[in-house]
Amino acid sequence: MNELLQEIKLLPAVIGSTIHINGKKEIFSDLPKVFQAKSADIGRSMERLFKLKQARDISFIEVKFDESVMLIRPVDQESSLITICESGVNFPLVNMTASMLTSELKNAVDTARKGAGTKPEAQTPPVTKATPGADVNTIIHSGPLAPTMKKMANALALSIGPISEMVLTDTVKAWANSGPAETGRIPELVEMLCREIDDNGLEKEFLEQIS
């Protein structure tokens, strides 16, 4: 499975891919860690979509963001390939490559369903709930830290694309839960965001954007 995903990742402007298999908890992905939990959520959404009779003839879905593109295509009726790319990606090339790999991906998915060739399930960090009174929406959008949060949001969007808003919201929740939301704790928030990104290249890009 990983070798097939690597073939797609080698294409210019491709960040990585993941395979979502309905009912399987194992994560098959070569995406940076920060994308994995979010791509699992996307996979479950696609699972519901592809079950609809009207959606059975869909060959792929393209979702465009300001700085990135997400390409989703069914492998079979019970699994999907999710590829995250930079905005300048050569879409026909990615789509053609994924199409050429469809037969091998189906075989790999069948093997995974039988329990062979899988890897241990990646541990998803527990969701941290903000303490009462910690209005995350206000902290990010309209509080005294809003200008700083906007800068971080823009930097995250450039670095990790479509999941940046979810990552920022979840991390600010955890940050606000652990102490007062004030300027003096911003370095702590930056450190938490870097841990979420968990990729040296993307982390460096993020830090350059907010410096």
N, C-alpha and C. Protein backbone atom coordinates (compact mmCIF):
# COMPACT_ATOMS: atom_id res chain seq x y z
N MET A 1 0.83 -1.20 0.00
CA MET A 1 0.00 0.00 0.00
C MET A 1 0.87 1.27 0.00
N ASN A 2 1.86 1.30 0.89
CA ASN A 2 2.71 2.49 1.00
C ASN A 2 3.49 2.77 -0.28
N GLU A 3 3.93 1.69 -0.95
CA GLU A 3 4.67 1.87 -2.20
C GLU A 3 3.80 2.53 -3.25
N LEU A 4 2.53 2.17 -3.29
CA LEU A 4 1.60 2.76 -4.26
C LEU A 4 1.35 4.24 -3.95
N LEU A 5 1.20 4.53 -2.67
CA LEU A 5 1.00 5.94 -2.28
C LEU A 5 2.24 6.77 -2.59
N GLN A 6 3.41 6.16 -2.44
CA GLN A 6 4.65 6.87 -2.74
C GLN A 6 4.75 7.23 -4.22
N GLU A 7 4.22 6.39 -5.08
CA GLU A 7 4.24 6.70 -6.52
C GLU A 7 3.48 7.98 -6.82
N ILE A 8 2.40 8.20 -6.08
CA ILE A 8 1.62 9.43 -6.27
C ILE A 8 2.36 10.61 -5.65
N LYS A 9 2.96 10.39 -4.48
CA LYS A 9 3.65 11.47 -3.78
C LYS A 9 4.85 11.99 -4.56
N LEU A 10 5.43 11.17 -5.39
CA LEU A 10 6.60 11.59 -6.19
C LEU A 10 6.24 12.62 -7.25
N LEU A 11 4.96 12.78 -7.55
CA LEU A 11 4.55 13.75 -8.56
C LEU A 11 4.74 15.17 -8.03
N PRO A 12 5.11 16.11 -8.89
CA PRO A 12 5.32 17.50 -8.44
C PRO A 12 4.07 18.09 -7.77
N ALA A 13 4.29 18.79 -6.68
CA ALA A 13 3.25 19.53 -5.94
C ALA A 13 2.25 18.64 -5.19
N VAL A 14 2.55 17.33 -5.08
CA VAL A 14 1.70 16.44 -4.29
C VAL A 14 2.25 16.35 -2.87
N ILE A 15 1.41 16.66 -1.88
CA ILE A 15 1.83 16.60 -0.48
C ILE A 15 1.78 15.16 0.03
N GLY A 16 0.78 14.42 -0.39
CA GLY A 16 0.66 13.03 0.03
C GLY A 16 -0.75 12.51 -0.16
N SER A 17 -0.93 11.22 0.13
CA SER A 17 -2.23 10.59 -0.05
C SER A 17 -2.55 9.69 1.14
N THR A 18 -3.83 9.35 1.23
CA THR A 18 -4.27 8.39 2.23
C THR A 18 -5.37 7.53 1.62
N ILE A 19 -5.47 6.30 2.08
CA ILE A 19 -6.55 5.41 1.65
C ILE A 19 -7.50 5.22 2.82
N HIS A 20 -8.77 5.53 2.61
CA HIS A 20 -9.79 5.28 3.63
C HIS A 20 -10.58 4.04 3.23
N ILE A 21 -10.60 3.06 4.13
CA ILE A 21 -11.35 1.83 3.89
C ILE A 21 -12.50 1.77 4.89
N ASN A 22 -13.71 1.72 4.38
CA ASN A 22 -14.88 1.71 5.26
C ASN A 22 -14.78 0.59 6.30
N GLY A 23 -14.95 0.96 7.55
CA GLY A 23 -14.95 -0.02 8.62
C GLY A 23 -13.58 -0.42 9.15
N LYS A 24 -12.50 0.08 8.53
CA LYS A 24 -11.15 -0.23 8.99
C LYS A 24 -10.60 0.93 9.81
N LYS A 25 -10.00 0.63 10.95
CA LYS A 25 -9.42 1.66 11.79
C LYS A 25 -7.97 1.97 11.43
N GLU A 26 -7.31 1.05 10.74
CA GLU A 26 -5.92 1.29 10.36
C GLU A 26 -5.83 2.49 9.43
N ILE A 27 -4.74 3.24 9.58
CA ILE A 27 -4.51 4.41 8.73
C ILE A 27 -3.43 4.07 7.71
N PHE A 28 -3.79 4.14 6.44
CA PHE A 28 -2.83 3.90 5.36
C PHE A 28 -2.55 5.25 4.71
N SER A 29 -1.42 5.84 5.04
CA SER A 29 -1.18 7.22 4.64
C SER A 29 0.31 7.53 4.57
N ASP A 30 0.69 8.40 3.62
CA ASP A 30 2.04 8.96 3.63
C ASP A 30 1.98 10.48 3.80
N LEU A 31 0.84 10.95 4.31
CA LEU A 31 0.69 12.37 4.61
C LEU A 31 1.42 12.70 5.91
N PRO A 32 1.87 13.95 6.08
CA PRO A 32 2.40 14.36 7.38
C PRO A 32 1.36 14.11 8.48
N LYS A 33 1.82 13.85 9.67
CA LYS A 33 0.96 13.45 10.78
C LYS A 33 -0.22 14.39 10.99
N VAL A 34 -0.01 15.69 10.79
CA VAL A 34 -1.06 16.66 11.06
C VAL A 34 -2.29 16.42 10.19
N PHE A 35 -2.11 15.82 9.02
CA PHE A 35 -3.23 15.59 8.11
C PHE A 35 -4.01 14.33 8.43
N GLN A 36 -3.41 13.40 9.16
CA GLN A 36 -3.97 12.05 9.21
C GLN A 36 -5.33 11.96 9.89
N ALA A 37 -5.48 12.57 11.07
CA ALA A 37 -6.77 12.51 11.75
C ALA A 37 -7.85 13.21 10.94
N LYS A 38 -7.48 14.35 10.32
CA LYS A 38 -8.46 15.10 9.54
C LYS A 38 -8.84 14.35 8.27
N SER A 39 -7.86 13.70 7.63
CA SER A 39 -8.18 12.96 6.42
C SER A 39 -9.07 11.77 6.74
N ALA A 40 -8.95 11.21 7.95
CA ALA A 40 -9.85 10.13 8.36
C ALA A 40 -11.28 10.63 8.45
N ASP A 41 -11.46 11.87 8.96
CA ASP A 41 -12.80 12.46 9.01
C ASP A 41 -13.36 12.66 7.61
N ILE A 42 -12.50 13.12 6.71
CA ILE A 42 -12.92 13.32 5.32
C ILE A 42 -13.32 11.99 4.69
N GLY A 43 -12.52 10.95 4.97
CA GLY A 43 -12.82 9.62 4.45
C GLY A 43 -14.18 9.12 4.90
N ARG A 44 -14.51 9.37 6.17
CA ARG A 44 -15.82 8.93 6.66
C ARG A 44 -16.95 9.70 5.98
N SER A 45 -16.70 10.99 5.69
CA SER A 45 -17.71 11.78 4.97
C SER A 45 -17.91 11.24 3.56
N MET A 46 -16.79 10.89 2.90
CA MET A 46 -16.88 10.33 1.56
C MET A 46 -17.57 8.97 1.57
N GLU A 47 -17.35 8.23 2.66
CA GLU A 47 -18.00 6.92 2.81
C GLU A 47 -19.52 7.08 2.73
N ARG A 48 -20.03 8.10 3.43
CA ARG A 48 -21.48 8.34 3.39
C ARG A 48 -21.91 8.80 2.00
N LEU A 49 -21.10 9.67 1.38
CA LEU A 49 -21.46 10.20 0.06
C LEU A 49 -21.51 9.09 -0.99
N PHE A 50 -20.47 8.25 -1.03
CA PHE A 50 -20.40 7.23 -2.07
C PHE A 50 -21.43 6.11 -1.89
N LYS A 51 -22.08 6.07 -0.72
CA LYS A 51 -23.14 5.09 -0.51
C LYS A 51 -24.44 5.54 -1.17
N LEU A 52 -24.55 6.84 -1.47
CA LEU A 52 -25.75 7.34 -2.12
C LEU A 52 -25.82 6.81 -3.55
N LYS A 53 -27.00 6.39 -3.94
CA LYS A 53 -27.18 5.84 -5.29
C LYS A 53 -26.78 6.84 -6.36
N GLN A 54 -27.13 8.12 -6.11
CA GLN A 54 -26.84 9.17 -7.10
C GLN A 54 -25.35 9.40 -7.29
N ALA A 55 -24.53 8.99 -6.30
CA ALA A 55 -23.09 9.28 -6.34
C ALA A 55 -22.26 8.11 -6.87
N ARG A 56 -22.91 7.03 -7.24
CA ARG A 56 -22.16 5.82 -7.60
C ARG A 56 -21.39 5.96 -8.91
N ASP A 57 -21.79 6.91 -9.74
CA ASP A 57 -21.09 7.10 -11.01
C ASP A 57 -20.02 8.18 -10.94
N ILE A 58 -19.77 8.72 -9.75
CA ILE A 58 -18.74 9.75 -9.59
C ILE A 58 -17.36 9.11 -9.71
N SER A 59 -16.54 9.65 -10.60
CA SER A 59 -15.19 9.09 -10.77
C SER A 59 -14.18 9.79 -9.88
N PHE A 60 -14.41 11.07 -9.57
CA PHE A 60 -13.53 11.78 -8.65
C PHE A 60 -14.22 13.06 -8.18
N ILE A 61 -13.72 13.58 -7.06
CA ILE A 61 -14.18 14.87 -6.52
C ILE A 61 -12.96 15.75 -6.33
N GLU A 62 -13.04 16.97 -6.80
CA GLU A 62 -11.95 17.93 -6.65
C GLU A 62 -12.42 19.08 -5.76
N VAL A 63 -11.71 19.32 -4.65
CA VAL A 63 -12.07 20.40 -3.73
C VAL A 63 -10.92 21.41 -3.72
N LYS A 64 -11.21 22.64 -4.13
CA LYS A 64 -10.17 23.66 -4.23
C LYS A 64 -10.20 24.59 -3.03
N PHE A 65 -9.02 24.88 -2.49
CA PHE A 65 -8.82 25.86 -1.44
C PHE A 65 -7.86 26.92 -1.97
N ASP A 66 -7.65 27.98 -1.19
CA ASP A 66 -6.78 29.06 -1.66
C ASP A 66 -5.38 28.57 -1.98
N GLU A 67 -4.83 27.71 -1.13
CA GLU A 67 -3.44 27.30 -1.28
C GLU A 67 -3.25 25.82 -1.58
N SER A 68 -4.34 25.10 -1.77
CA SER A 68 -4.21 23.66 -1.97
C SER A 68 -5.43 23.09 -2.69
N VAL A 69 -5.28 21.84 -3.10
CA VAL A 69 -6.36 21.11 -3.77
C VAL A 69 -6.46 19.72 -3.16
N MET A 70 -7.67 19.27 -2.91
CA MET A 70 -7.89 17.92 -2.40
C MET A 70 -8.61 17.12 -3.49
N LEU A 71 -8.03 15.99 -3.86
CA LEU A 71 -8.60 15.12 -4.88
C LEU A 71 -9.06 13.82 -4.23
N ILE A 72 -10.31 13.46 -4.42
CA ILE A 72 -10.88 12.27 -3.80
C ILE A 72 -11.49 11.40 -4.90
N ARG A 73 -11.08 10.15 -4.94
CA ARG A 73 -11.64 9.23 -5.95
C ARG A 73 -11.89 7.88 -5.30
N PRO A 74 -13.02 7.25 -5.62
CA PRO A 74 -13.29 5.92 -5.05
C PRO A 74 -12.32 4.89 -5.62
N VAL A 75 -11.83 4.01 -4.75
CA VAL A 75 -11.03 2.87 -5.20
C VAL A 75 -11.98 1.74 -5.57
N ASP A 76 -12.94 1.49 -4.68
CA ASP A 76 -14.07 0.61 -4.98
C ASP A 76 -15.26 1.17 -4.21
N GLN A 77 -16.33 0.42 -4.08
CA GLN A 77 -17.53 0.96 -3.43
C GLN A 77 -17.35 1.17 -1.94
N GLU A 78 -16.28 0.62 -1.36
CA GLU A 78 -16.11 0.70 0.09
C GLU A 78 -14.78 1.34 0.49
N SER A 79 -14.11 2.03 -0.43
CA SER A 79 -12.85 2.69 -0.07
C SER A 79 -12.60 3.86 -1.01
N SER A 80 -11.77 4.79 -0.56
CA SER A 80 -11.48 5.97 -1.38
C SER A 80 -10.03 6.41 -1.19
N LEU A 81 -9.49 7.02 -2.23
CA LEU A 81 -8.14 7.58 -2.23
C LEU A 81 -8.26 9.09 -2.09
N ILE A 82 -7.60 9.65 -1.08
CA ILE A 82 -7.62 11.09 -0.83
C ILE A 82 -6.21 11.62 -1.03
N THR A 83 -6.04 12.54 -1.96
CA THR A 83 -4.72 13.11 -2.25
C THR A 83 -4.77 14.61 -2.03
N ILE A 84 -3.80 15.13 -1.25
CA ILE A 84 -3.72 16.56 -0.97
C ILE A 84 -2.52 17.13 -1.71
N CYS A 85 -2.76 18.23 -2.45
CA CYS A 85 -1.74 18.80 -3.33
C CYS A 85 -1.65 20.30 -3.13
N GLU A 86 -0.55 20.87 -3.57
CA GLU A 86 -0.44 22.31 -3.63
C GLU A 86 -1.32 22.82 -4.77
N SER A 87 -1.66 24.11 -4.72
CA SER A 87 -2.64 24.65 -5.67
C SER A 87 -2.18 24.59 -7.12
N GLY A 88 -0.87 24.58 -7.36
CA GLY A 88 -0.36 24.55 -8.73
C GLY A 88 -0.16 23.17 -9.30
N VAL A 89 -0.73 22.16 -8.68
CA VAL A 89 -0.52 20.77 -9.11
C VAL A 89 -1.04 20.55 -10.54
N ASN A 90 -0.39 19.64 -11.23
CA ASN A 90 -0.84 19.23 -12.56
C ASN A 90 -1.94 18.19 -12.35
N PHE A 91 -3.18 18.65 -12.29
CA PHE A 91 -4.29 17.76 -11.96
C PHE A 91 -4.44 16.59 -12.92
N PRO A 92 -4.37 16.81 -14.25
CA PRO A 92 -4.50 15.66 -15.16
C PRO A 92 -3.45 14.58 -14.91
N LEU A 93 -2.23 15.01 -14.55
CA LEU A 93 -1.16 14.03 -14.29
C LEU A 93 -1.47 13.22 -13.04
N VAL A 94 -1.92 13.88 -11.98
CA VAL A 94 -2.26 13.17 -10.74
C VAL A 94 -3.42 12.21 -10.98
N ASN A 95 -4.44 12.70 -11.67
CA ASN A 95 -5.61 11.88 -11.94
C ASN A 95 -5.26 10.67 -12.80
N MET A 96 -4.40 10.88 -13.81
CA MET A 96 -3.99 9.78 -14.68
C MET A 96 -3.19 8.74 -13.89
N THR A 97 -2.28 9.22 -13.03
CA THR A 97 -1.46 8.30 -12.24
C THR A 97 -2.34 7.47 -11.30
N ALA A 98 -3.27 8.14 -10.62
CA ALA A 98 -4.17 7.43 -9.71
C ALA A 98 -5.01 6.42 -10.46
N SER A 99 -5.46 6.80 -11.66
CA SER A 99 -6.26 5.90 -12.48
C SER A 99 -5.46 4.66 -12.88
N MET A 100 -4.19 4.86 -13.25
CA MET A 100 -3.34 3.74 -13.64
C MET A 100 -3.07 2.78 -12.48
N LEU A 101 -3.12 3.32 -11.26
CA LEU A 101 -2.84 2.51 -10.08
C LEU A 101 -4.08 1.86 -9.49
N THR A 102 -5.26 2.13 -10.08
CA THR A 102 -6.52 1.68 -9.50
C THR A 102 -6.54 0.18 -9.26
N SER A 103 -6.13 -0.60 -10.24
CA SER A 103 -6.16 -2.06 -10.09
C SER A 103 -5.29 -2.53 -8.93
N GLU A 104 -4.07 -1.96 -8.83
CA GLU A 104 -3.16 -2.34 -7.74
C GLU A 104 -3.69 -1.86 -6.38
N LEU A 105 -4.30 -0.67 -6.38
CA LEU A 105 -4.88 -0.16 -5.14
C LEU A 105 -6.02 -1.06 -4.67
N LYS A 106 -6.85 -1.52 -5.60
CA LYS A 106 -7.94 -2.43 -5.24
C LYS A 106 -7.40 -3.71 -4.61
N ASN A 107 -6.34 -4.24 -5.20
CA ASN A 107 -5.73 -5.46 -4.65
C ASN A 107 -5.18 -5.21 -3.25
N ALA A 108 -4.53 -4.04 -3.05
CA ALA A 108 -3.97 -3.71 -1.75
C ALA A 108 -5.08 -3.52 -0.72
N VAL A 109 -6.18 -2.90 -1.14
CA VAL A 109 -7.32 -2.71 -0.24
C VAL A 109 -7.93 -4.06 0.15
N ASP A 110 -8.07 -4.97 -0.82
CA ASP A 110 -8.59 -6.31 -0.52
C ASP A 110 -7.69 -7.03 0.49
N THR A 111 -6.38 -6.89 0.31
CA THR A 111 -5.43 -7.51 1.24
C THR A 111 -5.59 -6.93 2.64
N ALA A 112 -5.75 -5.60 2.70
CA ALA A 112 -5.92 -4.93 4.00
C ALA A 112 -7.20 -5.39 4.68
N ARG A 113 -8.25 -5.61 3.91
CA ARG A 113 -9.52 -6.06 4.50
C ARG A 113 -9.38 -7.45 5.12
N LYS A 114 -8.50 -8.25 4.53
CA LYS A 114 -8.29 -9.60 5.06
C LYS A 114 -7.35 -9.60 6.27
N GLY A 115 -6.79 -8.42 6.59
CA GLY A 115 -5.96 -8.31 7.77
C GLY A 115 -4.50 -8.52 7.53
N ALA A 116 -4.07 -8.67 6.27
CA ALA A 116 -2.66 -8.89 5.96
C ALA A 116 -2.05 -7.59 5.48
N GLY A 117 -0.81 -7.39 5.83
CA GLY A 117 -0.07 -6.25 5.33
C GLY A 117 -0.47 -4.94 5.96
N THR A 118 -1.17 -4.99 7.09
CA THR A 118 -1.56 -3.76 7.75
C THR A 118 -0.52 -3.35 8.76
N LYS A 119 -0.60 -2.12 9.15
CA LYS A 119 0.31 -1.64 10.19
C LYS A 119 -0.50 -1.23 11.39
N PRO A 120 0.11 -1.13 12.58
CA PRO A 120 -0.64 -0.77 13.77
C PRO A 120 -1.37 0.55 13.58
N GLU A 121 -2.52 0.62 14.20
CA GLU A 121 -3.33 1.83 14.09
C GLU A 121 -2.60 3.02 14.71
N ALA A 122 -2.59 4.12 13.98
CA ALA A 122 -1.98 5.34 14.52
C ALA A 122 -2.85 5.86 15.65
N GLN A 123 -2.20 6.33 16.67
CA GLN A 123 -2.94 6.84 17.82
C GLN A 123 -3.39 8.26 17.56
N THR A 124 -4.69 8.48 17.63
CA THR A 124 -5.24 9.82 17.44
C THR A 124 -5.28 10.52 18.79
N PRO A 125 -4.69 11.73 18.89
CA PRO A 125 -4.70 12.45 20.16
C PRO A 125 -6.12 12.69 20.65
N PRO A 126 -6.36 12.57 21.95
CA PRO A 126 -7.70 12.83 22.48
C PRO A 126 -8.11 14.27 22.24
N VAL A 127 -9.40 14.47 22.02
CA VAL A 127 -9.90 15.82 21.82
C VAL A 127 -9.95 16.55 23.16
N THR A 128 -9.36 17.70 23.20
CA THR A 128 -9.33 18.49 24.43
C THR A 128 -10.46 19.50 24.41
N LYS A 129 -11.28 19.48 25.43
CA LYS A 129 -12.40 20.42 25.52
C LYS A 129 -11.96 21.68 26.26
N ALA A 130 -12.38 22.83 25.72
CA ALA A 130 -12.04 24.09 26.36
C ALA A 130 -12.84 24.25 27.65
N THR A 131 -12.27 24.92 28.61
CA THR A 131 -12.96 25.17 29.86
C THR A 131 -14.10 26.14 29.63
N PRO A 132 -15.15 26.09 30.48
CA PRO A 132 -16.25 27.03 30.33
C PRO A 132 -15.73 28.47 30.31
N GLY A 133 -16.24 29.25 29.40
CA GLY A 133 -15.83 30.65 29.31
C GLY A 133 -14.72 30.88 28.31
N ALA A 134 -14.06 29.81 27.86
CA ALA A 134 -12.99 29.97 26.87
C ALA A 134 -13.64 29.95 25.49
N ASP A 135 -14.03 31.12 25.00
CA ASP A 135 -14.71 31.25 23.71
C ASP A 135 -13.67 31.25 22.61
N VAL A 136 -13.46 30.10 22.02
CA VAL A 136 -12.42 29.95 21.01
C VAL A 136 -12.69 30.83 19.80
N ASN A 137 -13.96 30.93 19.40
CA ASN A 137 -14.30 31.75 18.25
C ASN A 137 -13.93 33.22 18.48
N THR A 138 -14.17 33.69 19.71
CA THR A 138 -13.81 35.07 20.04
C THR A 138 -12.30 35.25 20.06
N ILE A 139 -11.60 34.31 20.65
CA ILE A 139 -10.13 34.38 20.71
C ILE A 139 -9.54 34.50 19.30
N ILE A 140 -10.07 33.70 18.38
CA ILE A 140 -9.50 33.66 17.03
C ILE A 140 -9.94 34.84 16.17
N HIS A 141 -11.21 35.24 16.28
CA HIS A 141 -11.76 36.16 15.29
C HIS A 141 -12.01 37.60 15.75
N SER A 142 -12.27 37.80 17.05
CA SER A 142 -12.66 39.16 17.43
C SER A 142 -12.04 39.67 18.73
N GLY A 143 -11.31 38.84 19.44
CA GLY A 143 -10.68 39.26 20.67
C GLY A 143 -9.40 40.06 20.42
N PRO A 144 -8.73 40.48 21.48
CA PRO A 144 -7.50 41.27 21.33
C PRO A 144 -6.38 40.53 20.60
N LEU A 145 -6.45 39.20 20.57
CA LEU A 145 -5.42 38.41 19.88
C LEU A 145 -5.79 38.12 18.42
N ALA A 146 -6.93 38.64 17.96
CA ALA A 146 -7.41 38.32 16.61
C ALA A 146 -6.39 38.62 15.51
N PRO A 147 -5.67 39.77 15.55
CA PRO A 147 -4.67 40.02 14.49
C PRO A 147 -3.57 38.96 14.46
N THR A 148 -3.12 38.54 15.65
CA THR A 148 -2.10 37.50 15.73
C THR A 148 -2.65 36.17 15.22
N MET A 149 -3.89 35.87 15.59
CA MET A 149 -4.52 34.63 15.15
C MET A 149 -4.70 34.61 13.63
N LYS A 150 -5.04 35.77 13.06
CA LYS A 150 -5.21 35.83 11.61
C LYS A 150 -3.89 35.54 10.90
N LYS A 151 -2.80 36.08 11.45
CA LYS A 151 -1.48 35.83 10.87
C LYS A 151 -1.14 34.34 10.95
N MET A 152 -1.45 33.72 12.08
CA MET A 152 -1.19 32.29 12.23
C MET A 152 -2.06 31.48 11.27
N ALA A 153 -3.32 31.90 11.14
CA ALA A 153 -4.24 31.19 10.25
C ALA A 153 -3.74 31.24 8.81
N ASN A 154 -3.27 32.40 8.38
CA ASN A 154 -2.75 32.54 7.02
C ASN A 154 -1.49 31.69 6.81
N ALA A 155 -0.62 31.68 7.84
CA ALA A 155 0.61 30.89 7.76
C ALA A 155 0.29 29.40 7.69
N LEU A 156 -0.67 28.96 8.48
CA LEU A 156 -1.06 27.55 8.47
C LEU A 156 -1.66 27.17 7.12
N ALA A 157 -2.49 28.07 6.56
CA ALA A 157 -3.11 27.79 5.26
C ALA A 157 -2.05 27.59 4.19
N LEU A 158 -0.99 28.40 4.24
CA LEU A 158 0.09 28.25 3.27
C LEU A 158 0.86 26.96 3.47
N SER A 159 0.96 26.54 4.73
CA SER A 159 1.78 25.36 5.06
C SER A 159 1.05 24.04 4.89
N ILE A 160 -0.18 23.97 5.40
CA ILE A 160 -0.88 22.68 5.42
C ILE A 160 -2.22 22.70 4.71
N GLY A 161 -2.59 23.83 4.13
CA GLY A 161 -3.75 23.88 3.25
C GLY A 161 -5.10 23.65 3.89
N PRO A 162 -5.89 22.71 3.35
CA PRO A 162 -7.31 22.62 3.66
C PRO A 162 -7.68 22.29 5.10
N ILE A 163 -6.77 21.72 5.87
CA ILE A 163 -7.13 21.39 7.25
C ILE A 163 -6.66 22.45 8.23
N SER A 164 -6.11 23.56 7.73
CA SER A 164 -5.51 24.56 8.62
C SER A 164 -6.50 25.13 9.63
N GLU A 165 -7.72 25.39 9.19
CA GLU A 165 -8.71 25.98 10.10
C GLU A 165 -9.05 25.02 11.24
N MET A 166 -9.22 23.74 10.91
CA MET A 166 -9.52 22.75 11.95
C MET A 166 -8.36 22.61 12.93
N VAL A 167 -7.13 22.60 12.40
CA VAL A 167 -5.95 22.46 13.26
C VAL A 167 -5.83 23.66 14.20
N LEU A 168 -6.02 24.86 13.66
CA LEU A 168 -5.91 26.06 14.49
C LEU A 168 -6.97 26.05 15.58
N THR A 169 -8.22 25.74 15.21
CA THR A 169 -9.31 25.75 16.20
C THR A 169 -9.06 24.73 17.31
N ASP A 170 -8.68 23.51 16.94
CA ASP A 170 -8.45 22.47 17.95
C ASP A 170 -7.28 22.83 18.86
N THR A 171 -6.23 23.41 18.28
CA THR A 171 -5.04 23.74 19.07
C THR A 171 -5.30 24.92 19.99
N VAL A 172 -6.04 25.91 19.50
CA VAL A 172 -6.38 27.06 20.35
C VAL A 172 -7.27 26.61 21.51
N LYS A 173 -8.15 25.64 21.25
CA LYS A 173 -8.99 25.09 22.33
C LYS A 173 -8.11 24.52 23.44
N ALA A 174 -7.14 23.68 23.04
CA ALA A 174 -6.25 23.07 24.03
C ALA A 174 -5.43 24.13 24.75
N TRP A 175 -4.95 25.11 24.00
CA TRP A 175 -4.14 26.20 24.55
C TRP A 175 -4.94 27.02 25.56
N ALA A 176 -6.18 27.37 25.21
CA ALA A 176 -7.03 28.16 26.11
C ALA A 176 -7.42 27.36 27.35
N ASN A 177 -7.48 26.05 27.19
CA ASN A 177 -7.83 25.19 28.31
C ASN A 177 -6.72 25.10 29.35
N SER A 178 -5.48 25.34 28.89
CA SER A 178 -4.34 25.16 29.80
C SER A 178 -3.89 26.45 30.48
N GLY A 179 -4.53 27.57 30.18
CA GLY A 179 -4.14 28.83 30.81
C GLY A 179 -4.82 30.00 30.14
N PRO A 180 -4.54 31.22 30.60
CA PRO A 180 -5.18 32.41 30.03
C PRO A 180 -4.75 32.66 28.59
N ALA A 181 -5.70 33.10 27.78
CA ALA A 181 -5.41 33.43 26.38
C ALA A 181 -4.84 34.85 26.33
N GLU A 182 -3.53 34.97 26.40
CA GLU A 182 -2.89 36.28 26.44
C GLU A 182 -1.61 36.26 25.62
N THR A 183 -1.13 37.45 25.30
CA THR A 183 0.03 37.60 24.42
C THR A 183 1.26 36.85 24.92
N GLY A 184 1.46 36.85 26.23
CA GLY A 184 2.65 36.21 26.79
C GLY A 184 2.70 34.71 26.56
N ARG A 185 1.56 34.10 26.22
CA ARG A 185 1.53 32.65 26.00
C ARG A 185 1.52 32.28 24.51
N ILE A 186 1.67 33.27 23.65
CA ILE A 186 1.67 32.99 22.21
C ILE A 186 2.80 32.02 21.82
N PRO A 187 4.04 32.19 22.37
CA PRO A 187 5.09 31.21 22.03
C PRO A 187 4.69 29.78 22.34
N GLU A 188 3.93 29.59 23.42
CA GLU A 188 3.46 28.26 23.78
C GLU A 188 2.49 27.74 22.72
N LEU A 189 1.63 28.62 22.23
CA LEU A 189 0.69 28.23 21.17
C LEU A 189 1.43 27.86 19.89
N VAL A 190 2.45 28.64 19.55
CA VAL A 190 3.25 28.35 18.35
C VAL A 190 3.90 26.97 18.48
N GLU A 191 4.42 26.68 19.65
CA GLU A 191 5.06 25.38 19.89
C GLU A 191 4.04 24.24 19.73
N MET A 192 2.83 24.46 20.23
CA MET A 192 1.78 23.44 20.11
C MET A 192 1.40 23.21 18.65
N LEU A 193 1.33 24.30 17.89
CA LEU A 193 1.00 24.18 16.47
C LEU A 193 2.10 23.42 15.72
N CYS A 194 3.34 23.69 16.08
CA CYS A 194 4.46 22.99 15.44
C CYS A 194 4.41 21.49 15.74
N ARG A 195 4.01 21.14 16.96
CA ARG A 195 3.87 19.71 17.30
C ARG A 195 2.76 19.07 16.47
N GLU A 196 1.70 19.83 16.22
CA GLU A 196 0.60 19.31 15.40
C GLU A 196 1.05 19.11 13.95
N ILE A 197 1.83 20.05 13.43
CA ILE A 197 2.31 19.96 12.05
C ILE A 197 3.19 18.73 11.90
N ASP A 198 4.16 18.57 12.82
CA ASP A 198 4.98 17.36 12.89
C ASP A 198 5.66 17.00 11.56
N ASP A 199 6.12 18.01 10.86
CA ASP A 199 6.86 17.79 9.62
C ASP A 199 7.86 18.94 9.51
N ASN A 200 9.16 18.61 9.44
CA ASN A 200 10.19 19.64 9.50
C ASN A 200 10.04 20.70 8.42
N GLY A 201 9.76 20.27 7.19
CA GLY A 201 9.64 21.23 6.10
C GLY A 201 8.44 22.14 6.26
N LEU A 202 7.28 21.57 6.59
CA LEU A 202 6.07 22.37 6.77
C LEU A 202 6.17 23.27 7.99
N GLU A 203 6.83 22.76 9.05
CA GLU A 203 7.01 23.55 10.27
C GLU A 203 7.89 24.77 9.98
N LYS A 204 8.96 24.56 9.23
CA LYS A 204 9.85 25.67 8.87
C LYS A 204 9.11 26.72 8.06
N GLU A 205 8.28 26.26 7.13
CA GLU A 205 7.51 27.19 6.31
C GLU A 205 6.55 28.01 7.17
N PHE A 206 5.89 27.33 8.14
CA PHE A 206 4.96 28.01 9.03
C PHE A 206 5.67 29.08 9.87
N LEU A 207 6.82 28.71 10.45
CA LEU A 207 7.57 29.65 11.29
C LEU A 207 8.08 30.86 10.49
N GLU A 208 8.46 30.62 9.26
CA GLU A 208 8.92 31.74 8.42
C GLU A 208 7.78 32.71 8.14
N GLN A 209 6.59 32.19 7.99
CA GLN A 209 5.44 33.04 7.68
C GLN A 209 5.01 33.91 8.87
N ILE A 210 5.21 33.42 10.09
CA ILE A 210 4.75 34.19 11.25
C ILE A 210 5.87 35.03 11.89
N SER A 211 7.09 34.88 11.40
CA SER A 211 8.21 35.63 12.00
C SER A 211 8.20 37.09 11.54
